[in-house]
PDB file of N, CA and C in Angstrom:
ATOM      1  N   UNK A   1      -3.842  -2.605 -37.054  1.00  0.00           N
ATOM      2  CA  UNK A   1      -4.895  -1.887 -36.366  1.00  0.00           C
ATOM      3  C   UNK A   1      -6.228  -2.558 -36.652  1.00  0.00           C
ATOM      4  N   UNK A   2      -7.136  -2.419 -35.772  1.00  0.00           N
ATOM      5  CA  UNK A   2      -8.458  -3.037 -35.906  1.00  0.00           C
ATOM      6  C   UNK A   2      -9.321  -2.172 -36.814  1.00  0.00           C
ATOM      7  N   UNK A   3     -10.076  -2.853 -37.670  1.00  0.00           N
ATOM      8  CA  UNK A   3     -11.057  -2.120 -38.476  1.00  0.00           C
ATOM      9  C   UNK A   3     -12.072  -1.496 -37.545  1.00  0.00           C
ATOM     10  N   UNK A   4     -12.699  -0.448 -38.008  1.00  0.00           N
ATOM     11  CA  UNK A   4     -13.685   0.232 -37.186  1.00  0.00           C
ATOM     12  C   UNK A   4     -14.853  -0.719 -36.921  1.00  0.00           C
ATOM     13  N   UNK A   5     -15.222  -0.859 -35.653  1.00  0.00           N
ATOM     14  CA  UNK A   5     -16.320  -1.743 -35.251  1.00  0.00           C
ATOM     15  C   UNK A   5     -17.521  -0.884 -34.912  1.00  0.00           C
ATOM     16  N   UNK A   6     -18.648  -1.217 -35.477  1.00  0.00           N
ATOM     17  CA  UNK A   6     -19.870  -0.480 -35.160  1.00  0.00           C
ATOM     18  C   UNK A   6     -20.546  -1.184 -33.987  1.00  0.00           C
ATOM     19  N   UNK A   7     -20.366  -0.634 -32.806  1.00  0.00           N
ATOM     20  CA  UNK A   7     -20.889  -1.245 -31.591  1.00  0.00           C
ATOM     21  C   UNK A   7     -22.415  -1.245 -31.564  1.00  0.00           C
ATOM     22  N   UNK A   8     -23.025  -0.302 -32.254  1.00  0.00           N
ATOM     23  CA  UNK A   8     -24.480  -0.195 -32.233  1.00  0.00           C
ATOM     24  C   UNK A   8     -25.156  -1.303 -33.037  1.00  0.00           C
ATOM     25  N   UNK A   9     -24.416  -1.954 -33.924  1.00  0.00           N
ATOM     26  CA  UNK A   9     -24.975  -3.066 -34.694  1.00  0.00           C
ATOM     27  C   UNK A   9     -24.825  -4.401 -33.974  1.00  0.00           C
ATOM     28  N   UNK A  10     -24.133  -4.408 -32.832  1.00  0.00           N
ATOM     29  CA  UNK A  10     -23.877  -5.656 -32.112  1.00  0.00           C
ATOM     30  C   UNK A  10     -24.976  -5.892 -31.077  1.00  0.00           C
ATOM     31  N   UNK A  11     -25.287  -7.185 -30.856  1.00  0.00           N
ATOM     32  CA  UNK A  11     -26.265  -7.506 -29.816  1.00  0.00           C
ATOM     33  C   UNK A  11     -25.545  -7.656 -28.479  1.00  0.00           C
ATOM     34  N   UNK A  12     -26.304  -7.924 -27.422  1.00  0.00           N
ATOM     35  CA  UNK A  12     -25.733  -7.988 -26.075  1.00  0.00           C
ATOM     36  C   UNK A  12     -24.680  -9.095 -25.958  1.00  0.00           C
ATOM     37  N   UNK A  13     -24.944 -10.240 -26.530  1.00  0.00           N
ATOM     38  CA  UNK A  13     -23.999 -11.354 -26.447  1.00  0.00           C
ATOM     39  C   UNK A  13     -22.684 -10.994 -27.137  1.00  0.00           C
ATOM     40  N   UNK A  14     -22.763 -10.376 -28.294  1.00  0.00           N
ATOM     41  CA  UNK A  14     -21.559  -9.985 -29.028  1.00  0.00           C
ATOM     42  C   UNK A  14     -20.787  -8.907 -28.261  1.00  0.00           C
ATOM     43  N   UNK A  15     -21.504  -7.957 -27.686  1.00  0.00           N
ATOM     44  CA  UNK A  15     -20.839  -6.910 -26.913  1.00  0.00           C
ATOM     45  C   UNK A  15     -20.156  -7.482 -25.671  1.00  0.00           C
ATOM     46  N   UNK A  16     -20.820  -8.425 -25.005  1.00  0.00           N
ATOM     47  CA  UNK A  16     -20.240  -9.062 -23.820  1.00  0.00           C
ATOM     48  C   UNK A  16     -18.971  -9.822 -24.192  1.00  0.00           C
ATOM     49  N   UNK A  17     -19.034 -10.554 -25.299  1.00  0.00           N
ATOM     50  CA  UNK A  17     -17.858 -11.310 -25.755  1.00  0.00           C
ATOM     51  C   UNK A  17     -16.716 -10.359 -26.114  1.00  0.00           C
ATOM     52  N   UNK A  18     -17.038  -9.273 -26.797  1.00  0.00           N
ATOM     53  CA  UNK A  18     -16.021  -8.288 -27.144  1.00  0.00           C
ATOM     54  C   UNK A  18     -15.407  -7.683 -25.886  1.00  0.00           C
ATOM     55  N   UNK A  19     -16.239  -7.384 -24.906  1.00  0.00           N
ATOM     56  CA  UNK A  19     -15.758  -6.823 -23.646  1.00  0.00           C
ATOM     57  C   UNK A  19     -14.792  -7.784 -22.954  1.00  0.00           C
ATOM     58  N   UNK A  20     -15.127  -9.067 -22.937  1.00  0.00           N
ATOM     59  CA  UNK A  20     -14.253 -10.076 -22.328  1.00  0.00           C
ATOM     60  C   UNK A  20     -12.918 -10.139 -23.057  1.00  0.00           C
ATOM     61  N   UNK A  21     -12.973 -10.089 -24.383  1.00  0.00           N
ATOM     62  CA  UNK A  21     -11.743 -10.162 -25.188  1.00  0.00           C
ATOM     63  C   UNK A  21     -10.866  -8.931 -24.943  1.00  0.00           C
ATOM     64  N   UNK A  22     -11.495  -7.765 -24.844  1.00  0.00           N
ATOM     65  CA  UNK A  22     -10.747  -6.535 -24.593  1.00  0.00           C
ATOM     66  C   UNK A  22     -10.114  -6.582 -23.201  1.00  0.00           C
ATOM     67  N   UNK A  23     -10.864  -7.032 -22.208  1.00  0.00           N
ATOM     68  CA  UNK A  23     -10.328  -7.137 -20.841  1.00  0.00           C
ATOM     69  C   UNK A  23      -9.128  -8.076 -20.798  1.00  0.00           C
ATOM     70  N   UNK A  24      -9.223  -9.210 -21.483  1.00  0.00           N
ATOM     71  CA  UNK A  24      -8.110 -10.166 -21.521  1.00  0.00           C
ATOM     72  C   UNK A  24      -6.915  -9.556 -22.234  1.00  0.00           C
ATOM     73  N   UNK A  25      -7.168  -8.861 -23.340  1.00  0.00           N
ATOM     74  CA  UNK A  25      -6.076  -8.236 -24.082  1.00  0.00           C
ATOM     75  C   UNK A  25      -5.376  -7.183 -23.231  1.00  0.00           C
ATOM     76  N   UNK A  26      -6.137  -6.416 -22.464  1.00  0.00           N
ATOM     77  CA  UNK A  26      -5.540  -5.412 -21.581  1.00  0.00           C
ATOM     78  C   UNK A  26      -4.704  -6.058 -20.486  1.00  0.00           C
ATOM     79  N   UNK A  27      -5.207  -7.142 -19.915  1.00  0.00           N
ATOM     80  CA  UNK A  27      -4.454  -7.852 -18.868  1.00  0.00           C
ATOM     81  C   UNK A  27      -3.168  -8.431 -19.444  1.00  0.00           C
ATOM     82  N   UNK A  28      -3.250  -9.010 -20.633  1.00  0.00           N
ATOM     83  CA  UNK A  28      -2.059  -9.563 -21.279  1.00  0.00           C
ATOM     84  C   UNK A  28      -1.041  -8.455 -21.576  1.00  0.00           C
ATOM     85  N   UNK A  29      -1.535  -7.320 -22.052  1.00  0.00           N
ATOM     86  CA  UNK A  29      -0.661  -6.192 -22.346  1.00  0.00           C
ATOM     87  C   UNK A  29       0.053  -5.739 -21.075  1.00  0.00           C
ATOM     88  N   UNK A  30      -0.705  -5.607 -19.990  1.00  0.00           N
ATOM     89  CA  UNK A  30      -0.137  -5.188 -18.710  1.00  0.00           C
ATOM     90  C   UNK A  30       0.935  -6.168 -18.246  1.00  0.00           C
ATOM     91  N   UNK A  31       0.671  -7.452 -18.386  1.00  0.00           N
ATOM     92  CA  UNK A  31       1.646  -8.475 -17.977  1.00  0.00           C
ATOM     93  C   UNK A  31       2.928  -8.364 -18.808  1.00  0.00           C
ATOM     94  N   UNK A  32       2.774  -8.141 -20.110  1.00  0.00           N
ATOM     95  CA  UNK A  32       3.956  -7.994 -20.979  1.00  0.00           C
ATOM     96  C   UNK A  32       4.768  -6.760 -20.592  1.00  0.00           C
ATOM     97  N   UNK A  33       4.084  -5.670 -20.283  1.00  0.00           N
ATOM     98  CA  UNK A  33       4.791  -4.443 -19.903  1.00  0.00           C
ATOM     99  C   UNK A  33       5.533  -4.622 -18.584  1.00  0.00           C
ATOM    100  N   UNK A  34       4.913  -5.318 -17.636  1.00  0.00           N
ATOM    101  CA  UNK A  34       5.577  -5.577 -16.356  1.00  0.00           C
ATOM    102  C   UNK A  34       6.818  -6.448 -16.556  1.00  0.00           C
ATOM    103  N   UNK A  35       6.716  -7.427 -17.453  1.00  0.00           N
ATOM    104  CA  UNK A  35       7.858  -8.295 -17.735  1.00  0.00           C
ATOM    105  C   UNK A  35       9.004  -7.483 -18.332  1.00  0.00           C
ATOM    106  N   UNK A  36       8.688  -6.590 -19.252  1.00  0.00           N
ATOM    107  CA  UNK A  36       9.713  -5.729 -19.863  1.00  0.00           C
ATOM    108  C   UNK A  36      10.343  -4.826 -18.813  1.00  0.00           C
ATOM    109  N   UNK A  37       9.507  -4.240 -17.973  1.00  0.00           N
ATOM    110  CA  UNK A  37      10.011  -3.332 -16.942  1.00  0.00           C
ATOM    111  C   UNK A  37      10.903  -4.070 -15.958  1.00  0.00           C
ATOM    112  N   UNK A  38      10.497  -5.277 -15.582  1.00  0.00           N
ATOM    113  CA  UNK A  38      11.308  -6.060 -14.647  1.00  0.00           C
ATOM    114  C   UNK A  38      12.664  -6.410 -15.267  1.00  0.00           C
ATOM    115  N   UNK A  39      12.663  -6.791 -16.544  1.00  0.00           N
ATOM    116  CA  UNK A  39      13.915  -7.129 -17.225  1.00  0.00           C
ATOM    117  C   UNK A  39      14.827  -5.903 -17.280  1.00  0.00           C
ATOM    118  N   UNK A  40      14.270  -4.740 -17.559  1.00  0.00           N
ATOM    119  CA  UNK A  40      15.067  -3.511 -17.597  1.00  0.00           C
ATOM    120  C   UNK A  40      15.624  -3.186 -16.220  1.00  0.00           C
ATOM    121  N   UNK A  41      14.813  -3.356 -15.183  1.00  0.00           N
ATOM    122  CA  UNK A  41      15.266  -3.086 -13.814  1.00  0.00           C
ATOM    123  C   UNK A  41      16.364  -4.075 -13.410  1.00  0.00           C
ATOM    124  N   UNK A  42      16.206  -5.341 -13.774  1.00  0.00           N
ATOM    125  CA  UNK A  42      17.224  -6.341 -13.450  1.00  0.00           C
ATOM    126  C   UNK A  42      18.533  -6.024 -14.161  1.00  0.00           C
ATOM    127  N   UNK A  43      18.448  -5.599 -15.426  1.00  0.00           N
ATOM    128  CA  UNK A  43      19.656  -5.253 -16.176  1.00  0.00           C
ATOM    129  C   UNK A  43      20.361  -4.059 -15.545  1.00  0.00           C
ATOM    130  N   UNK A  44      19.610  -3.063 -15.132  1.00  0.00           N
ATOM    131  CA  UNK A  44      20.201  -1.890 -14.506  1.00  0.00           C
ATOM    132  C   UNK A  44      20.835  -2.246 -13.165  1.00  0.00           C
ATOM    133  N   UNK A  45      20.158  -3.069 -12.382  1.00  0.00           N
ATOM    134  CA  UNK A  45      20.722  -3.497 -11.099  1.00  0.00           C
ATOM    135  C   UNK A  45      22.022  -4.263 -11.327  1.00  0.00           C
ATOM    136  N   UNK A  46      22.019  -5.150 -12.315  1.00  0.00           N
ATOM    137  CA  UNK A  46      23.207  -5.951 -12.620  1.00  0.00           C
ATOM    138  C   UNK A  46      24.361  -5.053 -13.065  1.00  0.00           C
ATOM    139  N   UNK A  47      24.027  -4.016 -13.817  1.00  0.00           N
ATOM    140  CA  UNK A  47      25.033  -3.065 -14.286  1.00  0.00           C
ATOM    141  C   UNK A  47      25.756  -2.401 -13.101  1.00  0.00           C
ATOM    142  N   UNK A  48      25.041  -2.262 -11.988  1.00  0.00           N
ATOM    143  CA  UNK A  48      25.625  -1.655 -10.795  1.00  0.00           C
ATOM    144  C   UNK A  48      26.149  -2.694  -9.805  1.00  0.00           C
ATOM    145  N   UNK A  49      26.117  -3.965 -10.184  1.00  0.00           N
ATOM    146  CA  UNK A  49      26.696  -5.009  -9.350  1.00  0.00           C
ATOM    147  C   UNK A  49      25.747  -5.616  -8.334  1.00  0.00           C
ATOM    148  N   UNK A  50      24.460  -5.450  -8.530  1.00  0.00           N
ATOM    149  CA  UNK A  50      23.474  -5.994  -7.605  1.00  0.00           C
ATOM    150  C   UNK A  50      22.439  -6.815  -8.356  1.00  0.00           C
ATOM    151  N   UNK A  51      21.733  -7.631  -7.589  1.00  0.00           N
ATOM    152  CA  UNK A  51      20.556  -8.272  -8.151  1.00  0.00           C
ATOM    153  C   UNK A  51      19.357  -7.403  -7.772  1.00  0.00           C
ATOM    154  N   UNK A  52      18.291  -7.523  -8.512  1.00  0.00           N
ATOM    155  CA  UNK A  52      17.101  -6.729  -8.216  1.00  0.00           C
ATOM    156  C   UNK A  52      16.554  -7.075  -6.831  1.00  0.00           C
ATOM    157  N   UNK A  53      16.599  -8.347  -6.471  1.00  0.00           N
ATOM    158  CA  UNK A  53      16.081  -8.743  -5.154  1.00  0.00           C
ATOM    159  C   UNK A  53      16.918  -8.127  -4.028  1.00  0.00           C
ATOM    160  N   UNK A  54      18.224  -7.995  -4.224  1.00  0.00           N
ATOM    161  CA  UNK A  54      19.064  -7.344  -3.207  1.00  0.00           C
ATOM    162  C   UNK A  54      18.646  -5.889  -2.998  1.00  0.00           C
ATOM    163  N   UNK A  55      18.352  -5.206  -4.089  1.00  0.00           N
ATOM    164  CA  UNK A  55      17.961  -3.801  -3.984  1.00  0.00           C
ATOM    165  C   UNK A  55      16.582  -3.657  -3.362  1.00  0.00           C
ATOM    166  N   UNK A  56      15.680  -4.560  -3.689  1.00  0.00           N
ATOM    167  CA  UNK A  56      14.339  -4.478  -3.130  1.00  0.00           C
ATOM    168  C   UNK A  56      14.343  -4.788  -1.640  1.00  0.00           C
ATOM    169  N   UNK A  57      15.169  -5.721  -1.215  1.00  0.00           N
ATOM    170  CA  UNK A  57      15.279  -6.038   0.211  1.00  0.00           C
ATOM    171  C   UNK A  57      15.837  -4.859   0.987  1.00  0.00           C
ATOM    172  N   UNK A  58      16.793  -4.157   0.402  1.00  0.00           N
ATOM    173  CA  UNK A  58      17.432  -3.034   1.086  1.00  0.00           C
ATOM    174  C   UNK A  58      16.455  -1.892   1.301  1.00  0.00           C
ATOM    175  N   UNK A  59      15.532  -1.690   0.372  1.00  0.00           N
ATOM    176  CA  UNK A  59      14.594  -0.572   0.502  1.00  0.00           C
ATOM    177  C   UNK A  59      13.281  -0.990   1.130  1.00  0.00           C
ATOM    178  N   UNK A  60      13.101  -2.272   1.363  1.00  0.00           N
ATOM    179  CA  UNK A  60      11.834  -2.753   1.884  1.00  0.00           C
ATOM    180  C   UNK A  60      11.677  -2.629   3.384  1.00  0.00           C
ATOM    181  N   UNK A  61      12.723  -2.202   4.064  1.00  0.00           N
ATOM    182  CA  UNK A  61      12.643  -2.096   5.516  1.00  0.00           C
ATOM    183  C   UNK A  61      11.838  -0.863   5.899  1.00  0.00           C
ATOM    184  N   UNK A  62      10.913  -1.061   6.792  1.00  0.00           N
ATOM    185  CA  UNK A  62      10.087   0.048   7.246  1.00  0.00           C
ATOM    186  C   UNK A  62      10.715   0.672   8.477  1.00  0.00           C
ATOM    187  N   UNK A  63      10.444   1.955   8.658  1.00  0.00           N
ATOM    188  CA  UNK A  63      10.939   2.664   9.829  1.00  0.00           C
ATOM    189  C   UNK A  63      10.169   2.243  11.066  1.00  0.00           C
ATOM    190  N   UNK A  64      10.652   2.695  12.188  1.00  0.00           N
ATOM    191  CA  UNK A  64       9.966   2.383  13.440  1.00  0.00           C
ATOM    192  C   UNK A  64       8.770   3.300  13.601  1.00  0.00           C
ATOM    193  N   UNK A  65       7.885   2.918  14.472  1.00  0.00           N
ATOM    194  CA  UNK A  65       6.700   3.721  14.732  1.00  0.00           C
ATOM    195  C   UNK A  65       7.044   4.931  15.584  1.00  0.00           C
ATOM    196  N   UNK A  66       8.171   4.930  16.212  1.00  0.00           N
ATOM    197  CA  UNK A  66       8.569   6.015  17.101  1.00  0.00           C
ATOM    198  C   UNK A  66       8.467   5.580  18.545  1.00  0.00           C
ATOM    199  N   UNK A  67       9.090   6.333  19.383  1.00  0.00           N
ATOM    200  CA  UNK A  67       9.088   6.013  20.816  1.00  0.00           C
ATOM    201  C   UNK A  67       7.738   6.374  21.419  1.00  0.00           C
ATOM    202  N   UNK A  68       7.221   5.539  22.304  1.00  0.00           N
ATOM    203  CA  UNK A  68       5.954   5.862  22.949  1.00  0.00           C
ATOM    204  C   UNK A  68       6.092   7.088  23.840  1.00  0.00           C
ATOM    205  N   UNK A  69       5.073   7.946  23.803  1.00  0.00           N
ATOM    206  CA  UNK A  69       5.074   9.152  24.627  1.00  0.00           C
ATOM    207  C   UNK A  69       4.016   9.092  25.726  1.00  0.00           C
ATOM    208  N   UNK A  70       3.023   8.215  25.534  1.00  0.00           N
ATOM    209  CA  UNK A  70       1.924   8.134  26.480  1.00  0.00           C
ATOM    210  C   UNK A  70       1.676   6.674  26.848  1.00  0.00           C
ATOM    211  N   UNK A  71       1.254   6.442  28.090  1.00  0.00           N
ATOM    212  CA  UNK A  71       0.966   5.083  28.549  1.00  0.00           C
ATOM    213  C   UNK A  71      -0.365   5.072  29.293  1.00  0.00           C
ATOM    214  N   UNK A  72      -1.046   3.948  29.202  1.00  0.00           N
ATOM    215  CA  UNK A  72      -2.307   3.750  29.924  1.00  0.00           C
ATOM    216  C   UNK A  72      -2.005   3.787  31.417  1.00  0.00           C
ATOM    217  N   UNK A  73      -2.762   4.555  32.204  1.00  0.00           N
ATOM    218  CA  UNK A  73      -2.437   4.696  33.632  1.00  0.00           C
ATOM    219  C   UNK A  73      -2.546   3.396  34.423  1.00  0.00           C
ATOM    220  N   UNK A  74      -3.426   2.493  34.027  1.00  0.00           N
ATOM    221  CA  UNK A  74      -3.613   1.239  34.777  1.00  0.00           C
ATOM    222  C   UNK A  74      -2.895   0.061  34.124  1.00  0.00           C
ATOM    223  N   UNK A  75      -2.528   0.205  32.853  1.00  0.00           N
ATOM    224  CA  UNK A  75      -1.849  -0.871  32.136  1.00  0.00           C
ATOM    225  C   UNK A  75      -0.722  -0.257  31.305  1.00  0.00           C
ATOM    226  N   UNK A  76       0.439  -0.041  31.891  1.00  0.00           N
ATOM    227  CA  UNK A  76       1.542   0.647  31.200  1.00  0.00           C
ATOM    228  C   UNK A  76       2.057  -0.062  29.941  1.00  0.00           C
ATOM    229  N   UNK A  77       1.636  -1.305  29.723  1.00  0.00           N
ATOM    230  CA  UNK A  77       2.072  -1.975  28.499  1.00  0.00           C
ATOM    231  C   UNK A  77       1.339  -1.426  27.270  1.00  0.00           C
ATOM    232  N   UNK A  78       0.220  -0.733  27.502  1.00  0.00           N
ATOM    233  CA  UNK A  78      -0.503  -0.089  26.402  1.00  0.00           C
ATOM    234  C   UNK A  78       0.054   1.322  26.238  1.00  0.00           C
ATOM    235  N   UNK A  79       0.711   1.556  25.110  1.00  0.00           N
ATOM    236  CA  UNK A  79       1.344   2.850  24.885  1.00  0.00           C
ATOM    237  C   UNK A  79       0.867   3.457  23.580  1.00  0.00           C
ATOM    238  N   UNK A  80       1.182   4.736  23.413  1.00  0.00           N
ATOM    239  CA  UNK A  80       0.842   5.464  22.188  1.00  0.00           C
ATOM    240  C   UNK A  80       1.961   6.453  21.906  1.00  0.00           C
ATOM    241  N   UNK A  81       2.344   6.576  20.644  1.00  0.00           N
ATOM    242  CA  UNK A  81       3.437   7.476  20.264  1.00  0.00           C
ATOM    243  C   UNK A  81       3.005   8.925  20.175  1.00  0.00           C
ATOM    244  N   UNK A  82       1.703   9.160  20.151  1.00  0.00           N
ATOM    245  CA  UNK A  82       1.215  10.522  19.994  1.00  0.00           C
ATOM    246  C   UNK A  82       0.959  10.864  18.538  1.00  0.00           C
ATOM    247  N   UNK A  83       1.198   9.878  17.656  1.00  0.00           N
ATOM    248  CA  UNK A  83       0.949  10.080  16.228  1.00  0.00           C
ATOM    249  C   UNK A  83      -0.197   9.185  15.795  1.00  0.00           C
ATOM    250  N   UNK A  84      -0.917   9.638  14.811  1.00  0.00           N
ATOM    251  CA  UNK A  84      -2.017   8.829  14.288  1.00  0.00           C
ATOM    252  C   UNK A  84      -3.248   8.925  15.172  1.00  0.00           C
ATOM    253  N   UNK A  85      -4.167   8.021  14.933  1.00  0.00           N
ATOM    254  CA  UNK A  85      -5.431   8.000  15.678  1.00  0.00           C
ATOM    255  C   UNK A  85      -5.186   7.691  17.150  1.00  0.00           C
ATOM    256  N   UNK A  86      -5.911   8.385  18.000  1.00  0.00           N
ATOM    257  CA  UNK A  86      -5.785   8.147  19.443  1.00  0.00           C
ATOM    258  C   UNK A  86      -6.392   6.783  19.795  1.00  0.00           C
ATOM    259  N   UNK A  87      -5.713   6.002  20.625  1.00  0.00           N
ATOM    260  CA  UNK A  87      -6.292   4.738  21.087  1.00  0.00           C
ATOM    261  C   UNK A  87      -7.550   5.011  21.913  1.00  0.00           C
ATOM    262  N   UNK A  88      -8.384   4.009  22.021  1.00  0.00           N
ATOM    263  CA  UNK A  88      -9.642   4.162  22.769  1.00  0.00           C
ATOM    264  C   UNK A  88      -9.399   4.557  24.214  1.00  0.00           C
ATOM    265  N   UNK A  89      -8.352   4.034  24.834  1.00  0.00           N
ATOM    266  CA  UNK A  89      -8.095   4.379  26.227  1.00  0.00           C
ATOM    267  C   UNK A  89      -7.718   5.847  26.380  1.00  0.00           C
ATOM    268  N   UNK A  90      -7.063   6.427  25.365  1.00  0.00           N
ATOM    269  CA  UNK A  90      -6.752   7.859  25.400  1.00  0.00           C
ATOM    270  C   UNK A  90      -8.034   8.662  25.232  1.00  0.00           C
ATOM    271  N   UNK A  91      -8.847   8.258  24.250  1.00  0.00           N
ATOM    272  CA  UNK A  91     -10.133   8.934  24.029  1.00  0.00           C
ATOM    273  C   UNK A  91     -10.991   8.896  25.294  1.00  0.00           C
ATOM    274  N   UNK A  92     -11.053   7.749  25.959  1.00  0.00           N
ATOM    275  CA  UNK A  92     -11.859   7.614  27.177  1.00  0.00           C
ATOM    276  C   UNK A  92     -11.338   8.540  28.271  1.00  0.00           C
ATOM    277  N   UNK A  93     -10.021   8.599  28.406  1.00  0.00           N
ATOM    278  CA  UNK A  93      -9.418   9.459  29.420  1.00  0.00           C
ATOM    279  C   UNK A  93      -9.762  10.925  29.154  1.00  0.00           C
ATOM    280  N   UNK A  94      -9.646  11.348  27.907  1.00  0.00           N
ATOM    281  CA  UNK A  94      -9.924  12.737  27.553  1.00  0.00           C
ATOM    282  C   UNK A  94     -11.404  13.071  27.691  1.00  0.00           C
ATOM    283  N   UNK A  95     -12.285  12.132  27.303  1.00  0.00           N
ATOM    284  CA  UNK A  95     -13.726  12.401  27.381  1.00  0.00           C
ATOM    285  C   UNK A  95     -14.222  12.443  28.828  1.00  0.00           C
ATOM    286  N   UNK A  96     -13.470  11.825  29.743  1.00  0.00           N
ATOM    287  CA  UNK A  96     -13.873  11.870  31.156  1.00  0.00           C
ATOM    288  C   UNK A  96     -13.272  13.086  31.870  1.00  0.00           C
ATOM    289  N   UNK A  97     -12.702  14.014  31.086  1.00  0.00           N
ATOM    290  CA  UNK A  97     -12.173  15.240  31.658  1.00  0.00           C
ATOM    291  C   UNK A  97     -10.689  15.205  31.934  1.00  0.00           C
ATOM    292  N   UNK A  98     -10.031  14.113  31.616  1.00  0.00           N
ATOM    293  CA  UNK A  98      -8.594  14.005  31.857  1.00  0.00           C
ATOM    294  C   UNK A  98      -7.798  14.829  30.866  1.00  0.00           C
ATOM    295  N   UNK A  99      -6.527  15.032  31.190  1.00  0.00           N
ATOM    296  CA  UNK A  99      -5.627  15.797  30.342  1.00  0.00           C
ATOM    297  C   UNK A  99      -4.602  14.851  29.727  1.00  0.00           C
ATOM    298  N   UNK A 100      -4.198  15.130  28.507  1.00  0.00           N
ATOM    299  CA  UNK A 100      -3.224  14.270  27.811  1.00  0.00           C
ATOM    300  C   UNK A 100      -1.903  14.234  28.562  1.00  0.00           C
ATOM    301  N   UNK A 101      -1.531  15.338  29.165  1.00  0.00           N
ATOM    302  CA  UNK A 101      -0.262  15.393  29.912  1.00  0.00           C
ATOM    303  C   UNK A 101      -0.235  14.394  31.077  1.00  0.00           C
ATOM    304  N   UNK A 102      -1.382  14.034  31.585  1.00  0.00           N
ATOM    305  CA  UNK A 102      -1.438  13.080  32.695  1.00  0.00           C
ATOM    306  C   UNK A 102      -1.031  11.673  32.244  1.00  0.00           C
ATOM    307  N   UNK A 103      -1.097  11.411  30.939  1.00  0.00           N
ATOM    308  CA  UNK A 103      -0.729  10.104  30.403  1.00  0.00           C
ATOM    309  C   UNK A 103       0.712  10.045  29.911  1.00  0.00           C
ATOM    310  N   UNK A 104       1.396  11.193  29.940  1.00  0.00           N
ATOM    311  CA  UNK A 104       2.762  11.267  29.418  1.00  0.00           C
ATOM    312  C   UNK A 104       3.697  10.357  30.195  1.00  0.00           C
ATOM    313  N   UNK A 105       4.577   9.699  29.453  1.00  0.00           N
ATOM    314  CA  UNK A 105       5.588   8.837  30.073  1.00  0.00           C
ATOM    315  C   UNK A 105       6.715   9.729  30.533  1.00  0.00           C
ATOM    316  N   UNK A 106       7.117   9.585  31.787  1.00  0.00           N
ATOM    317  CA  UNK A 106       8.220  10.386  32.339  1.00  0.00           C
ATOM    318  C   UNK A 106       9.516   9.998  31.643  1.00  0.00           C
ATOM    319  N   UNK A 107      10.262  11.014  31.205  1.00  0.00           N
ATOM    320  CA  UNK A 107      11.515  10.711  30.507  1.00  0.00           C
ATOM    321  C   UNK A 107      12.702  10.775  31.398  1.00  0.00           C
TER     322      UNK A 107
END
């Protein structure tokens, strides 16, 4: 353990140097912990007959955005699923008095 350091007796240069050393020590500690965690994860994956990269690839696939529900009236290639932020063309249509149902894609 480190002896008690009296920070109030240190000048700015000493405090800056100490801060740099502490930051480096924290980064090194974090790197060591990640290495340990990765080794443990690899061992567990191997225990189940897989490599860690195989398991990460299997879970790394993202879902689809969903089927489009609305299309731009003049450019049908511009679509929106109805989730998330409204595209500018939808906002423009609504602000000009249009209804969202008018943009719905016929099923």
